[in-house]
Amino acid sequence: MRLLSVEQAAERLNVAPRSLIDRRYRMRIKLSAIKIGRRVGFVEEDIDRLIQRGREHLPGEGQR
């Protein structure tokens, strides 16, 4: 399990880091955070799953 910082996760998701700090935004996109002391991190697999869930599937895609 690899943890991404707020900045790394925001870059992968193409959103502002402040958005990921906002709990209401994270609840809306269904992304949990891990807090260790004052630092907030995100599991890389969760970020990948979120990206995959939001990916547009075109007709006939994956049938090659």
Protein backbone atom coordinates (compact mmCIF):
# COMPACT_ATOMS: atom_id res chain seq x y z
CA MET A 1 0.00 0.00 0.00
CA ARG A 2 1.50 3.31 -1.11
CA LEU A 3 0.26 6.57 0.34
CA LEU A 4 0.10 9.67 -1.81
CA SER A 5 0.35 13.16 -0.35
CA VAL A 6 -2.43 15.67 -0.89
CA GLU A 7 -0.40 17.31 -3.63
CA GLN A 8 0.37 14.02 -5.41
CA ALA A 9 -3.26 12.86 -5.27
CA ALA A 10 -4.54 16.25 -6.45
CA GLU A 11 -2.17 16.15 -9.42
CA ARG A 12 -3.32 12.62 -10.38
CA LEU A 13 -6.98 13.68 -10.13
CA ASN A 14 -6.39 17.08 -11.76
CA VAL A 15 -8.02 18.99 -8.89
CA ALA A 16 -6.77 21.63 -6.48
CA PRO A 17 -5.10 20.32 -3.31
CA ARG A 18 -7.59 22.40 -1.26
CA SER A 19 -10.40 20.35 -2.77
CA LEU A 20 -8.95 17.13 -1.35
CA ILE A 21 -8.53 18.73 2.05
CA ASP A 22 -12.27 19.56 2.06
CA ARG A 23 -14.06 16.61 3.69
CA ARG A 24 -17.36 17.42 1.95
CA TYR A 25 -15.67 17.16 -1.45
CA ARG A 26 -14.06 13.84 -0.53
CA MET A 27 -17.42 12.50 0.64
CA ARG A 28 -19.02 13.54 -2.66
CA ILE A 29 -16.43 11.71 -4.75
CA LYS A 30 -16.28 8.82 -2.22
CA LEU A 31 -12.56 9.08 -1.45
CA SER A 32 -11.35 8.31 2.05
CA ALA A 33 -8.24 9.84 3.56
CA ILE A 34 -5.77 8.50 6.08
CA LYS A 35 -4.62 10.94 8.73
CA ILE A 36 -1.31 10.33 10.47
CA GLY A 37 -0.59 13.10 12.93
CA ARG A 38 -1.15 16.33 11.02
CA ARG A 39 -0.54 14.78 7.60
CA VAL A 40 -3.28 13.53 5.31
CA GLY A 41 -2.62 10.80 2.77
CA PHE A 42 -4.52 8.84 0.16
CA VAL A 43 -4.08 5.19 -0.81
CA GLU A 44 -2.80 5.03 -4.38
CA GLU A 45 -5.13 2.13 -5.24
CA ASP A 46 -8.14 4.22 -4.10
CA ILE A 47 -7.08 7.04 -6.43
CA ASP A 48 -6.68 4.58 -9.32
CA ARG A 49 -10.11 3.06 -8.58
CA LEU A 50 -11.70 6.52 -8.55
CA ILE A 51 -10.11 7.35 -11.91
CA GLN A 52 -11.24 4.03 -13.39
CA ARG A 53 -14.79 4.53 -12.09
CA GLY A 54 -15.01 7.92 -13.76
CA ARG A 55 -13.51 6.77 -17.05
CA GLU A 56 -15.85 7.03 -20.00
CA HIS A 57 -16.36 3.70 -21.76
CA LEU A 58 -16.97 3.99 -25.47
CA PRO A 59 -19.12 1.51 -27.42
CA GLY A 60 -17.03 -1.44 -28.58
CA GLU A 61 -14.15 -0.59 -26.26
CA GLY A 62 -12.28 -3.63 -25.01
CA GLN A 63 -13.57 -5.94 -27.74
CA ARG A 64 -10.32 -6.11 -29.71
